[in-house]
N, C-alpha and C. Protein backbone atom coordinates (compact mmCIF):
# COMPACT_ATOMS: atom_id res chain seq x y z
N UNK A 1 35.64 139.04 153.94
CA UNK A 1 35.71 137.58 154.35
C UNK A 1 37.53 137.18 153.60
N UNK A 2 38.00 136.31 154.76
CA UNK A 2 39.31 135.64 154.63
C UNK A 2 38.99 134.87 153.74
N UNK A 3 40.12 134.79 152.81
CA UNK A 3 40.11 133.37 152.07
C UNK A 3 40.42 132.22 152.28
N UNK A 4 40.08 130.89 152.06
CA UNK A 4 39.96 129.65 153.08
C UNK A 4 41.14 128.97 151.73
N UNK A 5 41.85 128.55 152.56
CA UNK A 5 43.56 127.75 151.86
C UNK A 5 43.14 126.71 150.63
N UNK A 6 43.10 126.68 149.92
CA UNK A 6 42.86 125.91 148.49
C UNK A 6 43.44 124.64 148.90
N UNK A 7 42.90 122.96 148.83
CA UNK A 7 43.19 122.29 149.17
C UNK A 7 42.74 121.49 147.65
N UNK A 8 44.19 120.46 147.27
CA UNK A 8 43.71 119.36 146.05
C UNK A 8 44.13 118.23 146.67
N UNK A 9 43.00 117.24 146.73
CA UNK A 9 43.36 115.83 147.22
C UNK A 9 43.41 114.91 146.29
N UNK A 10 44.68 113.87 146.33
CA UNK A 10 44.69 112.81 145.89
C UNK A 10 45.28 111.69 146.24
N UNK A 11 44.54 110.06 145.47
CA UNK A 11 44.50 108.97 146.38
C UNK A 11 43.99 108.06 145.26
N UNK A 12 44.20 107.27 145.16
CA UNK A 12 43.02 106.34 144.20
C UNK A 12 42.61 105.26 145.07
N UNK A 13 42.04 105.33 146.20
CA UNK A 13 40.77 104.56 147.44
C UNK A 13 40.03 105.60 147.15
N UNK A 14 38.91 105.32 146.25
CA UNK A 14 37.66 106.17 146.34
C UNK A 14 37.00 106.36 147.36
N UNK A 15 36.82 105.17 148.31
CA UNK A 15 36.18 105.59 150.03
C UNK A 15 36.92 106.33 150.81
N UNK A 16 38.67 106.27 150.62
CA UNK A 16 39.52 106.69 151.90
C UNK A 16 39.64 108.05 151.00
N UNK A 17 39.59 108.64 149.78
CA UNK A 17 39.83 110.04 149.06
C UNK A 17 38.46 111.27 149.32
N UNK A 18 37.61 110.19 149.52
CA UNK A 18 35.82 110.59 149.64
C UNK A 18 35.98 111.21 151.60
N UNK A 19 36.28 110.31 152.27
CA UNK A 19 36.89 110.50 154.06
C UNK A 19 37.78 111.62 154.10
N UNK A 20 38.94 112.10 153.61
CA UNK A 20 39.42 113.06 153.68
C UNK A 20 38.94 114.32 153.10
N UNK A 21 37.96 114.47 152.15
CA UNK A 21 37.64 115.23 151.81
C UNK A 21 36.58 116.04 152.73
N UNK A 22 35.72 114.98 153.48
CA UNK A 22 34.65 115.15 154.14
C UNK A 22 35.62 115.81 155.42
N UNK A 23 36.27 115.45 155.87
CA UNK A 23 37.65 115.57 156.98
C UNK A 23 37.95 117.10 157.03
N UNK A 24 38.32 117.56 155.53
CA UNK A 24 38.65 118.54 155.18
C UNK A 24 37.86 119.82 155.22
N UNK A 25 36.66 119.74 154.72
CA UNK A 25 36.21 120.83 153.61
C UNK A 25 35.08 121.59 154.24
N UNK A 26 35.47 121.58 156.06
CA UNK A 26 34.48 122.48 156.70
C UNK A 26 35.83 123.09 157.30
N UNK A 27 36.97 123.31 156.60
CA UNK A 27 38.12 124.23 157.17
C UNK A 27 38.62 124.60 156.39
N UNK A 28 38.53 124.00 155.03
CA UNK A 28 39.70 124.47 153.69
C UNK A 28 38.60 124.40 152.66
N UNK A 29 38.97 125.21 151.61
CA UNK A 29 38.22 124.97 149.97
C UNK A 29 38.75 123.80 149.46
N UNK A 30 38.06 122.66 149.39
CA UNK A 30 38.90 121.93 148.40
C UNK A 30 38.84 122.08 147.11
N UNK A 31 39.53 122.57 146.36
CA UNK A 31 39.01 122.33 144.83
C UNK A 31 38.68 121.66 143.82
N UNK A 32 39.37 120.00 144.79
CA UNK A 32 39.61 119.08 143.72
C UNK A 32 40.02 117.84 144.12
N UNK A 33 39.42 117.08 143.54
CA UNK A 33 40.15 115.69 143.77
C UNK A 33 40.61 114.39 142.86
N UNK A 34 41.77 113.57 142.77
CA UNK A 34 42.49 113.19 141.72
C UNK A 34 42.72 111.64 142.12
N UNK A 35 42.70 111.16 141.28
CA UNK A 35 43.09 109.53 141.52
C UNK A 35 44.18 108.85 140.84
N UNK A 36 45.32 109.68 140.25
CA UNK A 36 46.40 109.16 139.64
C UNK A 36 47.25 110.42 139.93
N UNK A 37 48.70 109.72 139.44
CA UNK A 37 50.07 110.73 139.72
C UNK A 37 49.78 111.89 138.35
N UNK A 38 49.65 110.91 137.19
CA UNK A 38 49.44 112.35 135.90
C UNK A 38 48.43 113.23 136.16
N UNK A 39 47.53 112.85 136.30
CA UNK A 39 45.96 113.67 136.87
C UNK A 39 46.09 114.66 138.40
N UNK A 40 46.83 114.21 138.87
CA UNK A 40 47.79 115.63 139.98
C UNK A 40 48.28 116.59 139.40
N UNK A 41 49.33 116.56 138.51
CA UNK A 41 50.17 117.17 137.92
C UNK A 41 49.15 118.39 137.31
N UNK A 42 47.91 117.77 136.13
CA UNK A 42 47.83 118.51 135.87
C UNK A 42 46.76 119.29 136.59
N UNK A 43 45.79 118.97 137.36
CA UNK A 43 45.25 119.64 138.38
C UNK A 43 45.58 120.94 138.97
N UNK A 44 46.88 120.56 139.82
CA UNK A 44 47.85 121.02 140.22
C UNK A 44 48.09 122.72 139.45
N UNK A 45 48.44 122.75 137.84
CA UNK A 45 48.45 123.76 137.43
C UNK A 45 47.00 124.50 136.87
N UNK A 46 46.12 123.46 136.96
CA UNK A 46 44.96 123.93 136.81
C UNK A 46 43.99 124.84 137.64
N UNK A 47 44.82 124.11 139.05
CA UNK A 47 43.66 124.85 139.91
C UNK A 47 44.08 125.68 141.03
N UNK A 48 45.40 125.44 140.86
CA UNK A 48 46.58 126.27 141.85
C UNK A 48 46.29 126.20 143.27
N UNK A 49 46.31 125.26 143.82
CA UNK A 49 45.97 125.13 144.78
C UNK A 49 47.25 125.53 146.29
N UNK A 50 46.64 126.21 147.26
CA UNK A 50 47.42 126.53 148.49
C UNK A 50 48.48 124.68 148.77
N UNK A 51 47.79 123.71 148.87
CA UNK A 51 48.29 122.60 149.62
C UNK A 51 47.84 121.75 148.79
N UNK A 52 48.62 120.69 148.88
CA UNK A 52 48.49 119.38 147.70
C UNK A 52 48.62 118.12 149.23
N UNK A 53 47.96 117.49 148.71
CA UNK A 53 47.67 116.24 149.86
C UNK A 53 47.43 114.64 149.09
N UNK A 54 48.37 113.95 149.30
CA UNK A 54 48.66 112.62 147.88
C UNK A 54 49.06 111.98 148.73
N UNK A 55 48.67 110.67 148.18
CA UNK A 55 49.15 109.32 148.46
C UNK A 55 50.18 109.26 147.83
N UNK A 56 51.57 108.28 148.55
CA UNK A 56 52.44 108.19 147.53
C UNK A 56 52.56 107.02 146.36
N UNK A 57 51.72 105.85 146.63
CA UNK A 57 51.70 104.73 145.66
C UNK A 57 50.17 105.14 145.30
N UNK A 58 50.18 105.53 143.66
CA UNK A 58 49.57 106.29 143.15
C UNK A 58 49.35 104.96 141.33
N UNK A 59 48.65 104.59 140.68
CA UNK A 59 48.46 104.50 139.18
C UNK A 59 49.22 105.42 138.76
N UNK A 60 49.80 105.45 137.48
CA UNK A 60 50.57 105.61 136.18
C UNK A 60 52.05 106.51 136.83
N UNK A 61 51.85 107.32 138.07
CA UNK A 61 52.66 107.71 138.91
C UNK A 61 52.73 108.35 140.30
N UNK A 62 53.51 107.72 140.92
CA UNK A 62 53.62 107.46 142.55
C UNK A 62 53.40 109.53 142.74
N UNK A 63 52.88 109.35 144.16
CA UNK A 63 53.22 110.72 144.60
C UNK A 63 54.35 111.44 144.72
N UNK A 64 55.32 111.13 145.06
CA UNK A 64 56.75 112.06 145.04
C UNK A 64 57.15 112.12 143.65
N UNK A 65 57.16 111.34 142.84
CA UNK A 65 57.47 111.36 141.29
C UNK A 65 56.07 112.47 140.83
N UNK A 66 55.58 112.98 141.04
CA UNK A 66 54.26 113.91 140.96
C UNK A 66 54.47 115.24 141.76
N UNK A 67 55.24 115.30 142.93
CA UNK A 67 55.87 116.36 143.49
C UNK A 67 56.88 116.81 143.26
N UNK A 68 58.01 116.17 142.50
CA UNK A 68 59.24 116.61 141.59
C UNK A 68 58.68 117.64 140.81
N UNK A 69 57.35 117.11 140.05
CA UNK A 69 57.30 118.36 139.26
C UNK A 69 56.57 119.20 139.19
N UNK A 70 55.53 119.09 140.15
CA UNK A 70 54.98 120.03 140.90
C UNK A 70 55.55 121.32 141.29
N UNK A 71 56.47 120.93 142.35
CA UNK A 71 57.77 121.94 142.62
C UNK A 71 57.83 122.43 141.65
N UNK A 72 58.36 122.69 140.34
CA UNK A 72 58.57 123.23 138.75
C UNK A 72 57.45 123.81 138.38
N UNK A 73 56.31 123.35 138.32
CA UNK A 73 55.37 124.21 137.70
C UNK A 73 54.27 124.81 138.50
N UNK A 74 54.51 124.18 139.88
CA UNK A 74 53.38 125.31 140.81
C UNK A 74 53.94 125.03 141.69
N UNK A 75 55.19 125.83 142.17
CA UNK A 75 56.12 125.95 143.02
C UNK A 75 55.34 126.77 144.42
N UNK A 76 54.32 127.52 144.21
CA UNK A 76 53.67 128.09 145.19
C UNK A 76 52.74 126.87 146.02
N UNK A 77 52.78 125.98 145.10
CA UNK A 77 51.58 124.78 146.20
C UNK A 77 52.52 124.05 147.24
N UNK A 78 52.09 124.21 148.62
CA UNK A 78 52.93 123.12 149.55
C UNK A 78 52.23 121.40 149.27
N UNK A 79 53.07 120.96 149.77
CA UNK A 79 52.93 119.54 149.31
C UNK A 79 53.16 118.53 150.56
N UNK A 80 52.01 118.32 150.61
CA UNK A 80 51.85 116.86 152.06
C UNK A 80 51.59 115.13 151.75
N UNK A 81 52.29 114.80 151.77
CA UNK A 81 51.58 113.02 151.15
C UNK A 81 51.27 112.20 152.42
N UNK A 82 50.28 111.27 152.25
CA UNK A 82 49.85 110.19 152.98
C UNK A 82 50.17 109.34 152.58
N UNK A 83 50.80 108.76 153.84
CA UNK A 83 51.32 106.74 153.24
C UNK A 83 51.17 106.06 154.61
N UNK A 84 50.93 105.10 153.85
CA UNK A 84 50.72 103.58 154.91
C UNK A 84 52.01 102.97 155.14
N UNK A 85 52.91 103.30 154.75
CA UNK A 85 54.27 102.89 155.43
C UNK A 85 54.96 103.87 156.20
N UNK A 86 55.67 103.62 157.11
CA UNK A 86 55.81 103.73 158.58
C UNK A 86 57.79 103.92 158.24
N UNK A 87 57.89 103.20 157.34
CA UNK A 87 59.51 103.03 157.10
C UNK A 87 60.38 104.56 156.75
N UNK A 88 60.93 104.70 157.62
CA UNK A 88 61.70 106.45 157.82
C UNK A 88 62.12 106.43 156.13
N UNK A 89 62.48 105.45 155.28
CA UNK A 89 62.94 105.95 153.91
C UNK A 89 61.96 106.65 153.06
N UNK A 90 60.80 106.10 153.61
CA UNK A 90 60.17 106.77 152.66
C UNK A 90 59.62 108.26 152.86
N UNK A 91 59.98 108.77 154.26
CA UNK A 91 59.52 110.10 155.03
C UNK A 91 61.13 110.55 154.28
N UNK A 92 62.33 110.27 154.43
CA UNK A 92 63.36 110.89 153.76
C UNK A 92 63.43 111.14 152.74
N UNK A 93 63.16 110.06 151.51
CA UNK A 93 62.79 110.73 150.07
C UNK A 93 61.94 111.89 149.76
N UNK A 94 60.45 111.73 150.75
CA UNK A 94 59.71 112.72 150.09
C UNK A 94 60.68 114.18 150.85
N UNK A 95 60.88 114.26 151.85
CA UNK A 95 61.48 115.57 152.15
C UNK A 95 62.69 116.23 151.19
N UNK A 96 62.98 115.00 150.48
CA UNK A 96 64.53 115.22 149.40
C UNK A 96 63.97 116.03 148.46
N UNK A 97 62.87 115.46 148.01
CA UNK A 97 61.90 115.95 146.54
C UNK A 97 60.75 117.22 146.70
N UNK A 98 60.96 117.86 148.36
CA UNK A 98 60.60 118.82 148.75
C UNK A 98 59.02 119.02 149.50
N UNK A 99 58.69 117.59 149.77
CA UNK A 99 57.18 117.68 150.71
C UNK A 99 57.44 118.12 152.08
N UNK A 100 56.77 118.87 152.05
CA UNK A 100 56.50 119.31 153.63
C UNK A 100 56.18 119.00 154.34
N UNK A 101 55.22 117.94 154.64
CA UNK A 101 54.32 117.05 155.34
C UNK A 101 54.22 116.02 155.15
N UNK A 102 54.81 114.65 155.89
CA UNK A 102 54.61 113.07 155.82
C UNK A 102 53.70 112.94 157.14
N UNK A 103 52.42 112.24 156.23
CA UNK A 103 50.94 111.68 157.13
C UNK A 103 50.91 110.55 157.24
N UNK A 104 51.06 109.87 158.34
CA UNK A 104 50.67 108.46 158.32
C UNK A 104 48.80 108.49 157.87
N UNK A 105 48.59 107.46 157.00
CA UNK A 105 47.10 107.22 156.92
C UNK A 105 46.65 106.67 157.92
N UNK A 106 47.35 105.89 158.86
CA UNK A 106 46.95 105.10 159.46
C UNK A 106 45.80 106.14 160.79
N UNK A 107 46.63 107.39 160.90
CA UNK A 107 46.31 108.58 161.75
C UNK A 107 45.98 109.80 161.51
N UNK A 108 45.57 109.40 159.61
CA UNK A 108 45.08 110.28 158.89
C UNK A 108 43.75 111.48 159.77
N UNK A 109 42.87 110.82 160.53
CA UNK A 109 41.87 112.10 161.48
C UNK A 109 42.45 112.55 162.28
N UNK A 110 43.18 112.11 163.08
CA UNK A 110 44.24 112.89 164.00
C UNK A 110 45.07 113.74 163.51
N UNK A 111 45.94 113.16 163.10
CA UNK A 111 47.15 114.01 162.18
C UNK A 111 46.98 115.23 160.94
N UNK A 112 46.12 115.15 160.18
CA UNK A 112 45.89 115.85 158.65
C UNK A 112 45.80 117.36 159.39
N UNK A 113 44.36 117.62 160.14
CA UNK A 113 44.54 118.61 160.30
C UNK A 113 45.59 119.59 160.79
N UNK A 114 46.54 119.26 162.10
CA UNK A 114 47.29 119.59 162.44
C UNK A 114 48.50 119.48 161.40
N UNK A 115 48.79 119.11 160.97
CA UNK A 115 50.14 118.92 160.02
C UNK A 115 49.44 120.05 158.26
N UNK A 116 48.36 119.97 158.38
CA UNK A 116 48.21 121.12 157.24
C UNK A 116 48.26 122.69 157.75
N UNK A 117 47.78 122.94 159.03
CA UNK A 117 48.61 123.94 159.56
C UNK A 117 49.57 124.16 159.80
N UNK A 118 50.38 123.42 160.07
CA UNK A 118 52.04 123.75 160.59
C UNK A 118 52.54 123.70 159.02
N UNK A 119 52.03 123.33 157.78
CA UNK A 119 52.93 123.42 156.70
C UNK A 119 52.19 124.79 156.15
N UNK A 120 50.91 125.47 156.41
CA UNK A 120 50.32 126.34 155.60
C UNK A 120 51.29 127.71 156.84
N UNK A 121 51.55 127.39 157.95
CA UNK A 121 52.51 128.53 158.55
C UNK A 121 54.27 128.16 158.38
N UNK A 122 54.18 127.28 157.50
CA UNK A 122 55.77 127.28 156.98
C UNK A 122 56.88 126.49 157.77
N UNK A 123 56.25 125.43 158.47
CA UNK A 123 56.81 124.72 159.20
C UNK A 123 56.63 123.06 158.59
N UNK A 124 57.39 122.20 159.05
CA UNK A 124 57.37 121.04 158.28
C UNK A 124 56.64 119.47 159.40
N UNK A 125 55.81 119.19 158.92
CA UNK A 125 55.20 117.76 159.58
C UNK A 125 56.02 116.50 159.57
N UNK A 126 56.06 115.64 160.48
CA UNK A 126 56.04 114.28 160.65
C UNK A 126 55.57 113.36 160.92
N UNK A 127 54.84 112.64 160.81
CA UNK A 127 53.83 111.59 161.98
C UNK A 127 54.55 110.86 162.76
N UNK A 128 54.42 110.68 163.75
CA UNK A 128 55.26 110.44 165.18
C UNK A 128 55.28 108.81 164.70
N UNK A 129 54.40 108.29 164.15
CA UNK A 129 54.39 107.10 163.51
C UNK A 129 55.80 106.29 162.86
N UNK A 130 56.29 107.39 162.67
CA UNK A 130 57.64 107.06 161.97
C UNK A 130 58.59 106.90 162.77
N UNK A 131 58.74 107.22 163.74
CA UNK A 131 59.57 106.84 165.08
C UNK A 131 60.74 107.55 164.92
N UNK A 132 61.78 107.53 165.88
CA UNK A 132 62.82 108.21 165.61
C UNK A 132 64.16 107.12 165.11
N UNK A 133 65.12 108.17 164.56
CA UNK A 133 66.15 106.93 163.74
C UNK A 133 67.04 106.88 164.25
N UNK A 134 67.41 105.64 164.10
CA UNK A 134 68.61 104.99 165.19
C UNK A 134 70.19 105.09 163.73
N UNK A 135 71.10 104.73 164.23
CA UNK A 135 72.26 104.87 163.37
C UNK A 135 72.05 103.43 162.23
N UNK A 136 71.40 102.33 162.79
CA UNK A 136 71.57 101.08 162.10
C UNK A 136 70.61 101.33 161.63
N UNK A 137 69.14 101.70 161.46
CA UNK A 137 68.37 101.91 160.51
C UNK A 137 68.74 102.90 159.31
N UNK A 138 69.10 103.86 160.20
CA UNK A 138 69.46 104.57 158.80
C UNK A 138 70.16 104.15 157.78
N UNK A 139 71.12 103.53 158.33
CA UNK A 139 72.17 102.95 157.74
C UNK A 139 71.48 101.52 156.63
N UNK A 140 70.64 101.08 157.33
CA UNK A 140 69.89 100.02 156.40
C UNK A 140 69.09 100.73 155.43
N UNK A 141 68.39 101.62 156.20
CA UNK A 141 67.13 102.17 155.03
C UNK A 141 68.16 102.44 153.71
N UNK A 142 69.00 103.10 153.71
CA UNK A 142 69.67 103.80 152.57
C UNK A 142 70.49 102.53 151.32
N UNK A 143 70.15 101.16 152.29
CA UNK A 143 70.73 100.24 151.13
C UNK A 143 69.67 99.85 149.71
N UNK A 144 67.88 100.91 149.95
CA UNK A 144 67.45 100.58 149.11
C UNK A 144 66.54 101.93 148.50
N UNK A 145 66.28 101.58 146.96
CA UNK A 145 65.72 103.09 146.71
C UNK A 145 64.02 102.98 146.68
N UNK A 146 63.71 103.91 146.49
CA UNK A 146 62.04 104.33 146.42
C UNK A 146 61.51 103.12 145.60
N UNK A 147 62.00 103.29 144.71
CA UNK A 147 61.64 102.12 143.88
C UNK A 147 61.08 100.53 144.10
N UNK A 148 62.79 100.31 144.73
CA UNK A 148 63.38 98.94 145.03
C UNK A 148 62.15 99.26 146.57
N UNK A 149 61.80 99.89 147.48
CA UNK A 149 61.00 99.77 148.32
C UNK A 149 59.70 99.56 147.84
N UNK A 150 59.03 100.08 147.01
CA UNK A 150 57.90 99.63 146.18
C UNK A 150 58.00 98.53 146.17
N UNK A 151 58.58 97.98 145.26
CA UNK A 151 58.96 96.75 144.56
C UNK A 151 58.89 95.64 145.90
N UNK A 152 59.81 96.27 146.95
CA UNK A 152 59.71 95.11 148.09
C UNK A 152 58.24 94.87 148.51
N UNK A 153 57.49 96.08 148.81
CA UNK A 153 56.15 95.94 149.28
C UNK A 153 54.88 95.42 148.93
N UNK A 154 55.44 95.07 147.18
CA UNK A 154 54.49 94.43 146.13
C UNK A 154 54.72 93.03 146.23
N UNK A 155 56.05 93.14 146.42
CA UNK A 155 56.34 91.32 146.52
C UNK A 155 55.67 90.77 147.75
N UNK A 156 55.91 91.66 149.31
CA UNK A 156 55.35 91.25 150.14
C UNK A 156 53.97 90.93 150.60
N UNK A 157 53.06 91.98 149.31
CA UNK A 157 51.97 91.83 149.57
C UNK A 157 51.15 91.13 148.37
N UNK A 158 52.19 89.62 147.97
CA UNK A 158 51.92 89.00 147.02
C UNK A 158 51.76 88.62 145.40
N UNK A 159 52.24 89.97 145.23
CA UNK A 159 51.92 90.20 143.48
C UNK A 159 52.95 89.10 143.12
N UNK A 160 53.25 88.83 141.74
CA UNK A 160 54.00 88.23 140.76
C UNK A 160 54.51 89.54 140.19
N UNK A 161 55.88 89.06 139.55
CA UNK A 161 56.43 90.35 138.50
C UNK A 161 55.89 90.87 137.34
N UNK A 162 54.78 90.07 136.92
CA UNK A 162 54.27 90.63 135.59
C UNK A 162 53.15 91.42 136.53
N UNK A 163 52.45 91.48 137.45
CA UNK A 163 51.58 92.81 138.26
C UNK A 163 52.13 93.46 138.63
N UNK A 164 53.39 93.36 139.04
CA UNK A 164 54.14 94.87 139.28
C UNK A 164 54.75 95.22 138.33
N UNK A 165 55.06 95.07 137.55
CA UNK A 165 55.56 95.60 136.12
C UNK A 165 54.39 96.30 135.29
N UNK A 166 52.91 95.76 135.66
CA UNK A 166 51.93 96.43 134.77
C UNK A 166 51.53 97.83 135.72
N UNK A 167 51.50 96.93 137.47
CA UNK A 167 51.44 98.03 137.70
C UNK A 167 52.28 99.53 138.02
N UNK A 168 53.58 99.01 137.86
CA UNK A 168 54.39 100.43 138.34
C UNK A 168 54.73 101.03 136.55
N UNK A 169 54.04 100.37 135.61
CA UNK A 169 54.68 100.72 134.01
C UNK A 169 56.27 100.41 133.77
N UNK A 170 56.57 99.31 133.89
CA UNK A 170 57.86 99.15 133.68
C UNK A 170 57.73 97.72 133.18
N UNK A 171 59.40 97.26 132.77
CA UNK A 171 59.47 95.78 132.40
C UNK A 171 59.15 94.68 132.86
N UNK A 172 58.69 93.31 133.36
CA UNK A 172 59.15 92.51 134.02
C UNK A 172 61.04 92.31 134.34
N UNK A 173 61.40 92.63 133.17
CA UNK A 173 63.04 92.28 133.32
C UNK A 173 63.46 93.41 134.44
N UNK A 174 62.85 94.76 134.25
CA UNK A 174 63.44 95.59 135.41
C UNK A 174 62.78 95.32 136.61
N UNK A 175 61.70 94.69 136.58
CA UNK A 175 61.43 94.33 138.27
C UNK A 175 62.12 92.96 139.06
N UNK A 176 62.66 92.30 137.80
CA UNK A 176 63.47 90.71 138.22
C UNK A 176 64.65 91.46 138.58
N UNK A 177 65.38 92.47 137.97
CA UNK A 177 66.44 93.22 137.90
C UNK A 177 66.41 93.79 139.77
N UNK A 178 65.49 94.47 140.05
CA UNK A 178 65.45 94.89 140.95
C UNK A 178 65.53 94.32 142.57
N UNK A 179 64.41 92.77 142.00
CA UNK A 179 64.25 92.07 143.04
C UNK A 179 65.66 91.47 143.42
N UNK A 180 66.59 91.24 142.39
CA UNK A 180 67.76 90.44 142.68
C UNK A 180 68.33 91.78 143.53
N UNK A 181 68.73 93.34 143.12
CA UNK A 181 69.16 93.98 144.03
C UNK A 181 68.98 93.75 145.37
N UNK A 182 68.08 94.05 145.58
CA UNK A 182 66.93 93.77 146.87
C UNK A 182 67.58 92.67 147.77
N UNK A 183 67.53 91.38 147.27
CA UNK A 183 68.07 90.31 147.73
C UNK A 183 69.36 90.20 148.22
N UNK A 184 70.28 90.63 147.21
CA UNK A 184 71.33 91.27 147.80
C UNK A 184 71.86 92.16 148.71
N UNK A 185 70.74 93.31 148.58
CA UNK A 185 71.35 94.37 149.69
C UNK A 185 71.18 93.55 150.90
N UNK A 186 69.76 93.14 150.82
CA UNK A 186 69.60 92.19 152.03
C UNK A 186 69.72 91.34 152.40
N UNK A 187 70.57 90.54 151.92
CA UNK A 187 70.71 89.06 152.37
C UNK A 187 69.60 88.45 152.76
N UNK A 188 68.53 88.56 151.91
CA UNK A 188 67.35 87.92 151.90
C UNK A 188 67.12 87.11 150.34
N UNK A 189 66.48 85.92 150.61
CA UNK A 189 66.97 85.01 149.12
C UNK A 189 65.65 84.18 149.04
N UNK A 190 64.76 84.65 149.95
CA UNK A 190 63.40 83.78 149.61
C UNK A 190 62.17 84.74 149.59
N UNK A 191 60.95 84.29 149.02
CA UNK A 191 60.11 85.43 149.42
C UNK A 191 59.12 85.70 150.42
N UNK A 192 59.41 84.96 151.76
CA UNK A 192 58.69 84.71 152.82
C UNK A 192 59.67 85.28 153.98
N UNK A 193 61.37 85.36 153.62
CA UNK A 193 62.20 86.21 153.97
C UNK A 193 62.09 87.78 154.22
N UNK A 194 61.34 87.98 152.65
CA UNK A 194 61.29 89.29 152.03
C UNK A 194 59.91 90.05 152.97
N UNK A 195 59.22 89.07 152.86
CA UNK A 195 57.91 89.61 153.48
C UNK A 195 57.89 89.48 154.71
N UNK A 196 58.64 89.07 155.53
CA UNK A 196 58.74 89.58 156.99
C UNK A 196 59.58 90.77 157.55
N UNK A 197 61.00 90.53 156.54
CA UNK A 197 61.25 91.74 156.48
C UNK A 197 60.37 93.09 156.54
N UNK A 198 59.87 93.08 155.81
CA UNK A 198 58.97 94.38 155.11
C UNK A 198 57.60 94.48 156.38
N UNK A 199 57.46 93.75 156.49
CA UNK A 199 55.99 93.43 157.84
C UNK A 199 57.42 94.32 159.14
N UNK A 200 58.22 93.59 159.30
CA UNK A 200 59.20 94.03 160.62
C UNK A 200 59.70 95.99 160.11
N UNK A 201 59.91 95.93 158.95
CA UNK A 201 60.17 97.58 158.66
C UNK A 201 59.19 98.30 158.53
N UNK A 202 57.91 98.01 158.68
CA UNK A 202 56.60 98.90 157.98
C UNK A 202 56.69 99.03 156.70
N UNK A 203 57.60 98.16 155.88
CA UNK A 203 57.22 98.70 154.38
C UNK A 203 55.63 98.33 153.75
N UNK A 204 55.13 97.24 154.86
CA UNK A 204 54.06 96.73 154.76
C UNK A 204 52.93 96.67 155.37
N UNK A 205 51.68 96.38 155.60
CA UNK A 205 51.13 95.95 156.99
C UNK A 205 50.98 94.50 156.98
N UNK A 206 51.08 93.98 158.27
CA UNK A 206 50.89 92.20 158.24
C UNK A 206 50.06 91.86 157.79
């Protein structure tokens, strides 16, 4: 009997994680599920999956930071990220750290099986929801780092500085520094303006 590819799943939303597991387990061998970036690193080393499917935004360590470490500790595993974000900067950063697939959570039921198949065949996959890149959008996206995009998303979702610091495991002063840099780079100086920018550019949902 041909061995089914082994999958490891990571997401901090239990209902979504269970839905992904149910979607995939009839085709693949789902060897584990975890809810944090640090747990993902440990599970990848212990379980040696063929493919890892992980959210970007997770507690303790985001999926892209985990992917960078896993590339060194478990180099045979191919990495696919799930994201609620359609901003191309997220996809660009994902592929920079060695991710092979970028799938939208909004279309996971439609896209994920295709993405895994293509990645296992040695190809890459990018959700169509990211859309084509224009020179203006590329220049704009490069203004902000991944950390700044995370903070911008949280600001737009109504989180206060202290909450953001706790969620990202950084100091309040670091959050304030990044918020100042974001406002300077975008020339936007009100929370309402940042929220509108985040919605317009797919960094957070409306």
